[in-house]
Amino acid sequence: MIEWEKLKLTKEEEEVVEYQEEIPEERKEEIALSLLGNFLMPNTFSVKAMKAVMHTMWKSSRGMVVKELDKHLFLFQFFLQKDKDFALNEGSWAFDGHLLITKEWTGME
């Protein structure tokens, strides 16, 4: 048997997630100014320190809100498009030597 064939989903992973097809108007700007980010690291880390470091590296002129969604998975919400664009396009980002993978949030994840 091939190793990947042994993989099984947990009950939580099997749950069906329903979402609205239409994004409410009041959330569209929040979504447009947000990025999802996943740190590729095997262990836990200081979220408070990561927020401070990312704010400094990204030079967010009006700041940002960071929401922890899951272990190593975060939502970075900016207040200006230029701040989001900088974070998305101007580098390979890392914290504590571990790579951060970012992507635009569509609101449907």
PDB file of N, CA and C in Angstrom:
ATOM      1  N   MET A   1       0.845  -1.186   0.000  1.00  0.00           N
ATOM      2  CA  MET A   1       0.000   0.000   0.000  1.00  0.00           C
ATOM      3  C   MET A   1       0.887   1.244   0.000  1.00  0.00           C
ATOM      4  N   ILE A   2       0.545   2.210  -0.807  1.00  0.00           N
ATOM      5  CA  ILE A   2       1.273   3.471  -0.864  1.00  0.00           C
ATOM      6  C   ILE A   2       0.980   4.258   0.402  1.00  0.00           C
ATOM      7  N   GLU A   3       2.017   4.930   0.947  1.00  0.00           N
ATOM      8  CA  GLU A   3       1.881   5.651   2.220  1.00  0.00           C
ATOM      9  C   GLU A   3       0.703   6.615   2.254  1.00  0.00           C
ATOM     10  N   TRP A   4       0.475   7.402   1.185  1.00  0.00           N
ATOM     11  CA  TRP A   4      -0.597   8.400   1.216  1.00  0.00           C
ATOM     12  C   TRP A   4      -1.968   7.754   1.285  1.00  0.00           C
ATOM     13  N   GLU A   5      -2.078   6.489   0.870  1.00  0.00           N
ATOM     14  CA  GLU A   5      -3.370   5.795   0.933  1.00  0.00           C
ATOM     15  C   GLU A   5      -3.770   5.479   2.375  1.00  0.00           C
ATOM     16  N   LYS A   6      -2.808   5.536   3.285  1.00  0.00           N
ATOM     17  CA  LYS A   6      -3.086   5.287   4.698  1.00  0.00           C
ATOM     18  C   LYS A   6      -3.663   6.508   5.401  1.00  0.00           C
ATOM     19  N   LEU A   7      -3.580   7.673   4.766  1.00  0.00           N
ATOM     20  CA  LEU A   7      -4.063   8.906   5.388  1.00  0.00           C
ATOM     21  C   LEU A   7      -5.576   8.887   5.540  1.00  0.00           C
ATOM     22  N   LYS A   8      -6.045   9.370   6.655  1.00  0.00           N
ATOM     23  CA  LYS A   8      -7.481   9.443   6.943  1.00  0.00           C
ATOM     24  C   LYS A   8      -7.815  10.828   7.469  1.00  0.00           C
ATOM     25  N   LEU A   9      -8.990  11.327   7.140  1.00  0.00           N
ATOM     26  CA  LEU A   9      -9.461  12.599   7.670  1.00  0.00           C
ATOM     27  C   LEU A   9     -10.013  12.395   9.069  1.00  0.00           C
ATOM     28  N   THR A  10      -9.858  13.419   9.907  1.00  0.00           N
ATOM     29  CA  THR A  10     -10.482  13.378  11.226  1.00  0.00           C
ATOM     30  C   THR A  10     -11.952  13.753  11.069  1.00  0.00           C
ATOM     31  N   LYS A  11     -12.730  13.557  12.101  1.00  0.00           N
ATOM     32  CA  LYS A  11     -14.152  13.946  12.063  1.00  0.00           C
ATOM     33  C   LYS A  11     -14.292  15.433  11.734  1.00  0.00           C
ATOM     34  N   GLU A  12     -13.440  16.260  12.366  1.00  0.00           N
ATOM     35  CA  GLU A  12     -13.483  17.708  12.134  1.00  0.00           C
ATOM     36  C   GLU A  12     -13.168  18.041  10.675  1.00  0.00           C
ATOM     37  N   GLU A  13     -12.205  17.355  10.101  1.00  0.00           N
ATOM     38  CA  GLU A  13     -11.826  17.611   8.709  1.00  0.00           C
ATOM     39  C   GLU A  13     -12.900  17.153   7.721  1.00  0.00           C
ATOM     40  N   GLU A  14     -13.717  16.185   8.126  1.00  0.00           N
ATOM     41  CA  GLU A  14     -14.779  15.680   7.259  1.00  0.00           C
ATOM     42  C   GLU A  14     -16.016  16.578   7.248  1.00  0.00           C
ATOM     43  N   GLU A  15     -16.128  17.480   8.241  1.00  0.00           N
ATOM     44  CA  GLU A  15     -17.309  18.339   8.337  1.00  0.00           C
ATOM     45  C   GLU A  15     -17.465  19.204   7.098  1.00  0.00           C
ATOM     46  N   VAL A  16     -18.691  19.337   6.673  1.00  0.00           N
ATOM     47  CA  VAL A  16     -19.004  20.192   5.534  1.00  0.00           C
ATOM     48  C   VAL A  16     -19.185  21.608   6.048  1.00  0.00           C
ATOM     49  N   VAL A  17     -18.537  22.547   5.403  1.00  0.00           N
ATOM     50  CA  VAL A  17     -18.639  23.948   5.792  1.00  0.00           C
ATOM     51  C   VAL A  17     -19.507  24.651   4.765  1.00  0.00           C
ATOM     52  N   GLU A  18     -20.594  25.245   5.244  1.00  0.00           N
ATOM     53  CA  GLU A  18     -21.473  25.977   4.345  1.00  0.00           C
ATOM     54  C   GLU A  18     -21.110  27.449   4.384  1.00  0.00           C
ATOM     55  N   TYR A  19     -21.227  28.101   3.253  1.00  0.00           N
ATOM     56  CA  TYR A  19     -20.951  29.534   3.192  1.00  0.00           C
ATOM     57  C   TYR A  19     -21.966  30.198   2.286  1.00  0.00           C
ATOM     58  N   GLN A  20     -22.083  31.487   2.493  1.00  0.00           N
ATOM     59  CA  GLN A  20     -22.987  32.263   1.655  1.00  0.00           C
ATOM     60  C   GLN A  20     -22.323  32.493   0.309  1.00  0.00           C
ATOM     61  N   GLU A  21     -23.117  32.455  -0.750  1.00  0.00           N
ATOM     62  CA  GLU A  21     -22.548  32.731  -2.070  1.00  0.00           C
ATOM     63  C   GLU A  21     -22.236  34.211  -2.231  1.00  0.00           C
ATOM     64  N   GLU A  22     -22.984  35.051  -1.573  1.00  0.00           N
ATOM     65  CA  GLU A  22     -22.779  36.504  -1.640  1.00  0.00           C
ATOM     66  C   GLU A  22     -22.040  36.964  -0.394  1.00  0.00           C
ATOM     67  N   ILE A  23     -21.037  37.766  -0.593  1.00  0.00           N
ATOM     68  CA  ILE A  23     -20.311  38.351   0.535  1.00  0.00           C
ATOM     69  C   ILE A  23     -21.055  39.625   0.938  1.00  0.00           C
ATOM     70  N   PRO A  24     -21.409  39.751   2.213  1.00  0.00           N
ATOM     71  CA  PRO A  24     -22.109  40.963   2.652  1.00  0.00           C
ATOM     72  C   PRO A  24     -21.293  42.218   2.349  1.00  0.00           C
ATOM     73  N   GLU A  25     -21.952  43.270   1.946  1.00  0.00           N
ATOM     74  CA  GLU A  25     -21.297  44.534   1.577  1.00  0.00           C
ATOM     75  C   GLU A  25     -20.348  45.039   2.660  1.00  0.00           C
ATOM     76  N   GLU A  26     -20.776  44.951   3.910  1.00  0.00           N
ATOM     77  CA  GLU A  26     -19.964  45.489   5.001  1.00  0.00           C
ATOM     78  C   GLU A  26     -18.660  44.714   5.207  1.00  0.00           C
ATOM     79  N   ARG A  27     -18.531  43.519   4.634  1.00  0.00           N
ATOM     80  CA  ARG A  27     -17.308  42.720   4.784  1.00  0.00           C
ATOM     81  C   ARG A  27     -16.384  42.824   3.581  1.00  0.00           C
ATOM     82  N   LYS A  28     -16.864  43.379   2.475  1.00  0.00           N
ATOM     83  CA  LYS A  28     -16.067  43.393   1.245  1.00  0.00           C
ATOM     84  C   LYS A  28     -14.765  44.175   1.398  1.00  0.00           C
ATOM     85  N   GLU A  29     -14.788  45.319   2.058  1.00  0.00           N
ATOM     86  CA  GLU A  29     -13.556  46.099   2.234  1.00  0.00           C
ATOM     87  C   GLU A  29     -12.585  45.361   3.149  1.00  0.00           C
ATOM     88  N   GLU A  30     -13.108  44.795   4.231  1.00  0.00           N
ATOM     89  CA  GLU A  30     -12.261  44.021   5.146  1.00  0.00           C
ATOM     90  C   GLU A  30     -11.567  42.887   4.396  1.00  0.00           C
ATOM     91  N   ILE A  31     -12.301  42.177   3.583  1.00  0.00           N
ATOM     92  CA  ILE A  31     -11.752  41.062   2.812  1.00  0.00           C
ATOM     93  C   ILE A  31     -10.722  41.562   1.806  1.00  0.00           C
ATOM     94  N   ALA A  32     -11.047  42.648   1.111  1.00  0.00           N
ATOM     95  CA  ALA A  32     -10.150  43.191   0.085  1.00  0.00           C
ATOM     96  C   ALA A  32      -8.816  43.643   0.671  1.00  0.00           C
ATOM     97  N   LEU A  33      -8.803  44.022   1.939  1.00  0.00           N
ATOM     98  CA  LEU A  33      -7.585  44.526   2.572  1.00  0.00           C
ATOM     99  C   LEU A  33      -6.904  43.479   3.465  1.00  0.00           C
ATOM    100  N   SER A  34      -7.235  42.200   3.265  1.00  0.00           N
ATOM    101  CA  SER A  34      -6.711  41.154   4.139  1.00  0.00           C
ATOM    102  C   SER A  34      -5.911  40.110   3.387  1.00  0.00           C
ATOM    103  N   LEU A  35      -4.973  39.514   4.101  1.00  0.00           N
ATOM    104  CA  LEU A  35      -4.176  38.404   3.596  1.00  0.00           C
ATOM    105  C   LEU A  35      -4.261  37.248   4.574  1.00  0.00           C
ATOM    106  N   LEU A  36      -4.252  36.041   4.048  1.00  0.00           N
ATOM    107  CA  LEU A  36      -4.084  34.857   4.869  1.00  0.00           C
ATOM    108  C   LEU A  36      -2.596  34.541   4.896  1.00  0.00           C
ATOM    109  N   GLY A  37      -2.101  34.147   6.034  1.00  0.00           N
ATOM    110  CA  GLY A  37      -0.689  33.808   6.146  1.00  0.00           C
ATOM    111  C   GLY A  37      -0.496  32.538   6.952  1.00  0.00           C
ATOM    112  N   ASN A  38       0.409  31.689   6.476  1.00  0.00           N
ATOM    113  CA  ASN A  38       0.704  30.429   7.144  1.00  0.00           C
ATOM    114  C   ASN A  38       2.210  30.331   7.347  1.00  0.00           C
ATOM    115  N   PHE A  39       2.627  30.181   8.597  1.00  0.00           N
ATOM    116  CA  PHE A  39       4.039  30.024   8.913  1.00  0.00           C
ATOM    117  C   PHE A  39       4.412  28.548   8.808  1.00  0.00           C
ATOM    118  N   LEU A  40       5.472  28.256   8.075  1.00  0.00           N
ATOM    119  CA  LEU A  40       5.943  26.891   7.914  1.00  0.00           C
ATOM    120  C   LEU A  40       6.950  26.585   9.011  1.00  0.00           C
ATOM    121  N   MET A  41       6.436  26.111  10.136  1.00  0.00           N
ATOM    122  CA  MET A  41       7.296  25.787  11.271  1.00  0.00           C
ATOM    123  C   MET A  41       6.658  24.659  12.061  1.00  0.00           C
ATOM    124  N   PRO A  42       7.486  23.823  12.668  1.00  0.00           N
ATOM    125  CA  PRO A  42       6.968  22.660  13.381  1.00  0.00           C
ATOM    126  C   PRO A  42       6.523  22.932  14.819  1.00  0.00           C
ATOM    127  N   ASN A  43       6.919  24.054  15.392  1.00  0.00           N
ATOM    128  CA  ASN A  43       6.647  24.283  16.810  1.00  0.00           C
ATOM    129  C   ASN A  43       5.852  25.563  17.035  1.00  0.00           C
ATOM    130  N   THR A  44       5.515  25.802  18.273  1.00  0.00           N
ATOM    131  CA  THR A  44       4.774  27.010  18.624  1.00  0.00           C
ATOM    132  C   THR A  44       5.734  28.188  18.721  1.00  0.00           C
ATOM    133  N   PHE A  45       5.172  29.383  18.734  1.00  0.00           N
ATOM    134  CA  PHE A  45       5.977  30.587  18.809  1.00  0.00           C
ATOM    135  C   PHE A  45       5.156  31.676  19.472  1.00  0.00           C
ATOM    136  N   SER A  46       5.809  32.767  19.791  1.00  0.00           N
ATOM    137  CA  SER A  46       5.147  33.892  20.433  1.00  0.00           C
ATOM    138  C   SER A  46       4.385  34.701  19.381  1.00  0.00           C
ATOM    139  N   VAL A  47       3.073  34.636  19.452  1.00  0.00           N
ATOM    140  CA  VAL A  47       2.234  35.379  18.513  1.00  0.00           C
ATOM    141  C   VAL A  47       2.441  36.876  18.716  1.00  0.00           C
ATOM    142  N   LYS A  48       2.590  37.299  19.963  1.00  0.00           N
ATOM    143  CA  LYS A  48       2.805  38.711  20.256  1.00  0.00           C
ATOM    144  C   LYS A  48       4.094  39.208  19.597  1.00  0.00           C
ATOM    145  N   ALA A  49       5.164  38.440  19.697  1.00  0.00           N
ATOM    146  CA  ALA A  49       6.432  38.823  19.072  1.00  0.00           C
ATOM    147  C   ALA A  49       6.299  38.836  17.554  1.00  0.00           C
ATOM    148  N   MET A  50       5.593  37.845  16.985  1.00  0.00           N
ATOM    149  CA  MET A  50       5.406  37.783  15.544  1.00  0.00           C
ATOM    150  C   MET A  50       4.654  39.014  15.052  1.00  0.00           C
ATOM    151  N   LYS A  51       3.611  39.413  15.752  1.00  0.00           N
ATOM    152  CA  LYS A  51       2.837  40.602  15.353  1.00  0.00           C
ATOM    153  C   LYS A  51       3.727  41.839  15.320  1.00  0.00           C
ATOM    154  N   ALA A  52       4.557  41.999  16.335  1.00  0.00           N
ATOM    155  CA  ALA A  52       5.442  43.167  16.404  1.00  0.00           C
ATOM    156  C   ALA A  52       6.455  43.147  15.264  1.00  0.00           C
ATOM    157  N   VAL A  53       7.036  41.984  14.998  1.00  0.00           N
ATOM    158  CA  VAL A  53       8.033  41.866  13.933  1.00  0.00           C
ATOM    159  C   VAL A  53       7.405  42.116  12.566  1.00  0.00           C
ATOM    160  N   MET A  54       6.246  41.526  12.307  1.00  0.00           N
ATOM    161  CA  MET A  54       5.605  41.703  10.996  1.00  0.00           C
ATOM    162  C   MET A  54       5.189  43.159  10.797  1.00  0.00           C
ATOM    163  N   HIS A  55       4.693  43.795  11.839  1.00  0.00           N
ATOM    164  CA  HIS A  55       4.326  45.209  11.738  1.00  0.00           C
ATOM    165  C   HIS A  55       5.546  46.048  11.365  1.00  0.00           C
ATOM    166  N   THR A  56       6.678  45.752  11.990  1.00  0.00           N
ATOM    167  CA  THR A  56       7.912  46.487  11.697  1.00  0.00           C
ATOM    168  C   THR A  56       8.402  46.205  10.273  1.00  0.00           C
ATOM    169  N   MET A  57       8.418  44.961   9.873  1.00  0.00           N
ATOM    170  CA  MET A  57       8.905  44.608   8.531  1.00  0.00           C
ATOM    171  C   MET A  57       8.006  45.174   7.442  1.00  0.00           C
ATOM    172  N   TRP A  58       6.688  45.138   7.678  1.00  0.00           N
ATOM    173  CA  TRP A  58       5.745  45.585   6.655  1.00  0.00           C
ATOM    174  C   TRP A  58       5.526  47.093   6.684  1.00  0.00           C
ATOM    175  N   LYS A  59       6.028  47.763   7.699  1.00  0.00           N
ATOM    176  CA  LYS A  59       5.938  49.222   7.797  1.00  0.00           C
ATOM    177  C   LYS A  59       4.501  49.707   7.592  1.00  0.00           C
ATOM    178  N   SER A  60       3.558  49.032   8.190  1.00  0.00           N
ATOM    179  CA  SER A  60       2.143  49.379   8.041  1.00  0.00           C
ATOM    180  C   SER A  60       1.891  50.777   8.578  1.00  0.00           C
ATOM    181  N   SER A  61       1.600  51.703   7.686  1.00  0.00           N
ATOM    182  CA  SER A  61       1.455  53.102   8.088  1.00  0.00           C
ATOM    183  C   SER A  61       0.271  53.334   9.019  1.00  0.00           C
ATOM    184  N   ARG A  62      -0.788  52.581   8.856  1.00  0.00           N
ATOM    185  CA  ARG A  62      -1.945  52.736   9.744  1.00  0.00           C
ATOM    186  C   ARG A  62      -2.149  51.517  10.627  1.00  0.00           C
ATOM    187  N   GLY A  63      -1.141  50.662  10.675  1.00  0.00           N
ATOM    188  CA  GLY A  63      -1.226  49.471  11.509  1.00  0.00           C
ATOM    189  C   GLY A  63      -1.970  48.348  10.813  1.00  0.00           C
ATOM    190  N   MET A  64      -2.172  47.275  11.539  1.00  0.00           N
ATOM    191  CA  MET A  64      -2.905  46.127  11.013  1.00  0.00           C
ATOM    192  C   MET A  64      -3.455  45.336  12.178  1.00  0.00           C
ATOM    193  N   VAL A  65      -4.438  44.525  11.878  1.00  0.00           N
ATOM    194  CA  VAL A  65      -5.023  43.621  12.857  1.00  0.00           C
ATOM    195  C   VAL A  65      -4.593  42.217  12.457  1.00  0.00           C
ATOM    196  N   VAL A  66      -4.150  41.444  13.428  1.00  0.00           N
ATOM    197  CA  VAL A  66      -3.740  40.068  13.168  1.00  0.00           C
ATOM    198  C   VAL A  66      -4.653  39.158  13.978  1.00  0.00           C
ATOM    199  N   LYS A  67      -5.320  38.243  13.281  1.00  0.00           N
ATOM    200  CA  LYS A  67      -6.209  37.283  13.936  1.00  0.00           C
ATOM    201  C   LYS A  67      -5.648  35.883  13.747  1.00  0.00           C
ATOM    202  N   GLU A  68      -5.498  35.170  14.853  1.00  0.00           N
ATOM    203  CA  GLU A  68      -5.021  33.791  14.783  1.00  0.00           C
ATOM    204  C   GLU A  68      -6.210  32.897  14.444  1.00  0.00           C
ATOM    205  N   LEU A  69      -6.135  32.198  13.323  1.00  0.00           N
ATOM    206  CA  LEU A  69      -7.219  31.342  12.875  1.00  0.00           C
ATOM    207  C   LEU A  69      -7.013  29.885  13.286  1.00  0.00           C
ATOM    208  N   ASP A  70      -5.766  29.478  13.311  1.00  0.00           N
ATOM    209  CA  ASP A  70      -5.406  28.105  13.650  1.00  0.00           C
ATOM    210  C   ASP A  70      -3.914  28.110  13.964  1.00  0.00           C
ATOM    211  N   LYS A  71      -3.374  26.985  14.339  1.00  0.00           N
ATOM    212  CA  LYS A  71      -1.940  26.911  14.622  1.00  0.00           C
ATOM    213  C   LYS A  71      -1.175  27.322  13.366  1.00  0.00           C
ATOM    214  N   HIS A  72      -0.402  28.384  13.470  1.00  0.00           N
ATOM    215  CA  HIS A  72       0.436  28.924  12.395  1.00  0.00           C
ATOM    216  C   HIS A  72      -0.343  29.600  11.269  1.00  0.00           C
ATOM    217  N   LEU A  73      -1.663  29.671  11.349  1.00  0.00           N
ATOM    218  CA  LEU A  73      -2.488  30.289  10.302  1.00  0.00           C
ATOM    219  C   LEU A  73      -3.103  31.581  10.836  1.00  0.00           C
ATOM    220  N   PHE A  74      -2.890  32.681  10.084  1.00  0.00           N
ATOM    221  CA  PHE A  74      -3.309  33.995  10.543  1.00  0.00           C
ATOM    222  C   PHE A  74      -4.015  34.766   9.440  1.00  0.00           C
ATOM    223  N   LEU A  75      -4.869  35.679   9.867  1.00  0.00           N
ATOM    224  CA  LEU A  75      -5.483  36.645   8.964  1.00  0.00           C
ATOM    225  C   LEU A  75      -4.863  37.996   9.294  1.00  0.00           C
ATOM    226  N   PHE A  76      -4.246  38.617   8.300  1.00  0.00           N
ATOM    227  CA  PHE A  76      -3.636  39.928   8.454  1.00  0.00           C
ATOM    228  C   PHE A  76      -4.543  40.938   7.766  1.00  0.00           C
ATOM    229  N   GLN A  77      -5.146  41.822   8.548  1.00  0.00           N
ATOM    230  CA  GLN A  77      -6.055  42.828   7.990  1.00  0.00           C
ATOM    231  C   GLN A  77      -5.379  44.195   8.033  1.00  0.00           C
ATOM    232  N   PHE A  78      -5.277  44.801   6.863  1.00  0.00           N
ATOM    233  CA  PHE A  78      -4.656  46.114   6.731  1.00  0.00           C
ATOM    234  C   PHE A  78      -5.740  47.179   6.611  1.00  0.00           C
ATOM    235  N   PHE A  79      -5.337  48.432   6.716  1.00  0.00           N
ATOM    236  CA  PHE A  79      -6.286  49.536   6.603  1.00  0.00           C
ATOM    237  C   PHE A  79      -6.067  50.356   5.344  1.00  0.00           C
ATOM    238  N   LEU A  80      -4.936  50.105   4.675  1.00  0.00           N
ATOM    239  CA  LEU A  80      -4.633  50.783   3.415  1.00  0.00           C
ATOM    240  C   LEU A  80      -4.202  49.747   2.382  1.00  0.00           C
ATOM    241  N   GLN A  81      -4.644  49.934   1.148  1.00  0.00           N
ATOM    242  CA  GLN A  81      -4.294  49.012   0.067  1.00  0.00           C
ATOM    243  C   GLN A  81      -2.783  48.947  -0.147  1.00  0.00           C
ATOM    244  N   LYS A  82      -2.111  50.090  -0.023  1.00  0.00           N
ATOM    245  CA  LYS A  82      -0.660  50.099  -0.249  1.00  0.00           C
ATOM    246  C   LYS A  82       0.079  49.243   0.787  1.00  0.00           C
ATOM    247  N   ASP A  83      -0.434  49.185   2.006  1.00  0.00           N
ATOM    248  CA  ASP A  83       0.190  48.351   3.033  1.00  0.00           C
ATOM    249  C   ASP A  83       0.007  46.870   2.704  1.00  0.00           C
ATOM    250  N   LYS A  84      -1.185  46.507   2.283  1.00  0.00           N
ATOM    251  CA  LYS A  84      -1.436  45.118   1.887  1.00  0.00           C
ATOM    252  C   LYS A  84      -0.573  44.751   0.687  1.00  0.00           C
ATOM    253  N   ASP A  85      -0.515  45.611  -0.312  1.00  0.00           N
ATOM    254  CA  ASP A  85       0.271  45.342  -1.515  1.00  0.00           C
ATOM    255  C   ASP A  85       1.747  45.142  -1.180  1.00  0.00           C
ATOM    256  N   PHE A  86       2.263  45.945  -0.258  1.00  0.00           N
ATOM    257  CA  PHE A  86       3.663  45.803   0.157  1.00  0.00           C
ATOM    258  C   PHE A  86       3.885  44.421   0.768  1.00  0.00           C
ATOM    259  N   ALA A  87       3.008  44.023   1.686  1.00  0.00           N
ATOM    260  CA  ALA A  87       3.147  42.726   2.355  1.00  0.00           C
ATOM    261  C   ALA A  87       3.026  41.573   1.363  1.00  0.00           C
ATOM    262  N   LEU A  88       2.169  41.726   0.390  1.00  0.00           N
ATOM    263  CA  LEU A  88       1.923  40.653  -0.578  1.00  0.00           C
ATOM    264  C   LEU A  88       3.020  40.553  -1.631  1.00  0.00           C
ATOM    265  N   ASN A  89       3.572  41.679  -2.042  1.00  0.00           N
ATOM    266  CA  ASN A  89       4.431  41.692  -3.224  1.00  0.00           C
ATOM    267  C   ASN A  89       5.911  42.004  -3.009  1.00  0.00           C
ATOM    268  N   GLU A  90       6.279  42.500  -1.854  1.00  0.00           N
ATOM    269  CA  GLU A  90       7.634  43.028  -1.708  1.00  0.00           C
ATOM    270  C   GLU A  90       8.628  42.138  -0.988  1.00  0.00           C
ATOM    271  N   GLY A  91       8.408  40.885  -0.976  1.00  0.00           N
ATOM    272  CA  GLY A  91       9.459  40.073  -0.386  1.00  0.00           C
ATOM    273  C   GLY A  91       9.042  38.678  -0.044  1.00  0.00           C
ATOM    274  N   SER A  92      10.013  37.932   0.362  1.00  0.00           N
ATOM    275  CA  SER A  92       9.790  36.652   1.022  1.00  0.00           C
ATOM    276  C   SER A  92       9.878  36.983   2.498  1.00  0.00           C
ATOM    277  N   TRP A  93       8.853  36.666   3.247  1.00  0.00           N
ATOM    278  CA  TRP A  93       8.805  37.050   4.652  1.00  0.00           C
ATOM    279  C   TRP A  93       9.010  35.832   5.532  1.00  0.00           C
ATOM    280  N   ALA A  94       9.633  36.078   6.663  1.00  0.00           N
ATOM    281  CA  ALA A  94       9.874  35.005   7.621  1.00  0.00           C
ATOM    282  C   ALA A  94       9.829  35.575   9.030  1.00  0.00           C
ATOM    283  N   PHE A  95       9.557  34.707   9.972  1.00  0.00           N
ATOM    284  CA  PHE A  95       9.617  35.054  11.390  1.00  0.00           C
ATOM    285  C   PHE A  95      10.389  33.939  12.083  1.00  0.00           C
ATOM    286  N   ASP A  96      11.363  34.319  12.878  1.00  0.00           N
ATOM    287  CA  ASP A  96      12.174  33.375  13.643  1.00  0.00           C
ATOM    288  C   ASP A  96      12.784  32.302  12.730  1.00  0.00           C
ATOM    289  N   GLY A  97      13.134  32.723  11.497  1.00  0.00           N
ATOM    290  CA  GLY A  97      13.767  31.814  10.551  1.00  0.00           C
ATOM    291  C   GLY A  97      12.818  30.893   9.798  1.00  0.00           C
ATOM    292  N   HIS A  98      11.519  31.105   9.959  1.00  0.00           N
ATOM    293  CA  HIS A  98      10.538  30.240   9.299  1.00  0.00           C
ATOM    294  C   HIS A  98       9.713  31.044   8.300  1.00  0.00           C
ATOM    295  N   LEU A  99       9.562  30.488   7.125  1.00  0.00           N
ATOM    296  CA  LEU A  99       8.897  31.151   6.017  1.00  0.00           C
ATOM    297  C   LEU A  99       7.419  31.404   6.280  1.00  0.00           C
ATOM    298  N   LEU A 100       6.943  32.556   5.816  1.00  0.00           N
ATOM    299  CA  LEU A 100       5.520  32.893   5.861  1.00  0.00           C
ATOM    300  C   LEU A 100       4.990  32.850   4.431  1.00  0.00           C
ATOM    301  N   ILE A 101       3.989  32.030   4.215  1.00  0.00           N
ATOM    302  CA  ILE A 101       3.315  31.947   2.913  1.00  0.00           C
ATOM    303  C   ILE A 101       2.057  32.780   3.022  1.00  0.00           C
ATOM    304  N   THR A 102       1.872  33.733   2.088  1.00  0.00           N
ATOM    305  CA  THR A 102       0.685  34.576   2.112  1.00  0.00           C
ATOM    306  C   THR A 102      -0.117  34.408   0.826  1.00  0.00           C
ATOM    307  N   LYS A 103      -1.411  34.663   0.944  1.00  0.00           N
ATOM    308  CA  LYS A 103      -2.285  34.695  -0.227  1.00  0.00           C
ATOM    309  C   LYS A 103      -3.437  35.645   0.066  1.00  0.00           C
ATOM    310  N   GLU A 104      -4.024  36.155  -0.981  1.00  0.00           N
ATOM    311  CA  GLU A 104      -5.160  37.051  -0.787  1.00  0.00           C
ATOM    312  C   GLU A 104      -6.348  36.259  -0.259  1.00  0.00           C
ATOM    313  N   TRP A 105      -7.095  36.895   0.594  1.00  0.00           N
ATOM    314  CA  TRP A 105      -8.282  36.272   1.184  1.00  0.00           C
ATOM    315  C   TRP A 105      -9.462  36.602   0.280  1.00  0.00           C
ATOM    316  N   THR A 106     -10.203  35.587  -0.125  1.00  0.00           N
ATOM    317  CA  THR A 106     -11.365  35.804  -0.983  1.00  0.00           C
ATOM    318  C   THR A 106     -12.647  35.930  -0.163  1.00  0.00           C
ATOM    319  N   GLY A 107     -12.597  35.529   1.095  1.00  0.00           N
ATOM    320  CA  GLY A 107     -13.793  35.531   1.919  1.00  0.00           C
ATOM    321  C   GLY A 107     -14.548  34.227   1.832  1.00  0.00           C
ATOM    322  N   MET A 108     -14.135  33.329   0.956  1.00  0.00           N
ATOM    323  CA  MET A 108     -14.813  32.059   0.784  1.00  0.00           C
ATOM    324  C   MET A 108     -14.067  30.891   1.423  1.00  0.00           C
ATOM    325  N   GLU A 109     -12.883  31.174   2.013  1.00  0.00           N
ATOM    326  CA  GLU A 109     -12.131  30.099   2.633  1.00  0.00           C
ATOM    327  C   GLU A 109     -12.831  29.642   3.904  1.00  0.00           C
TER     328      GLU A 109
END
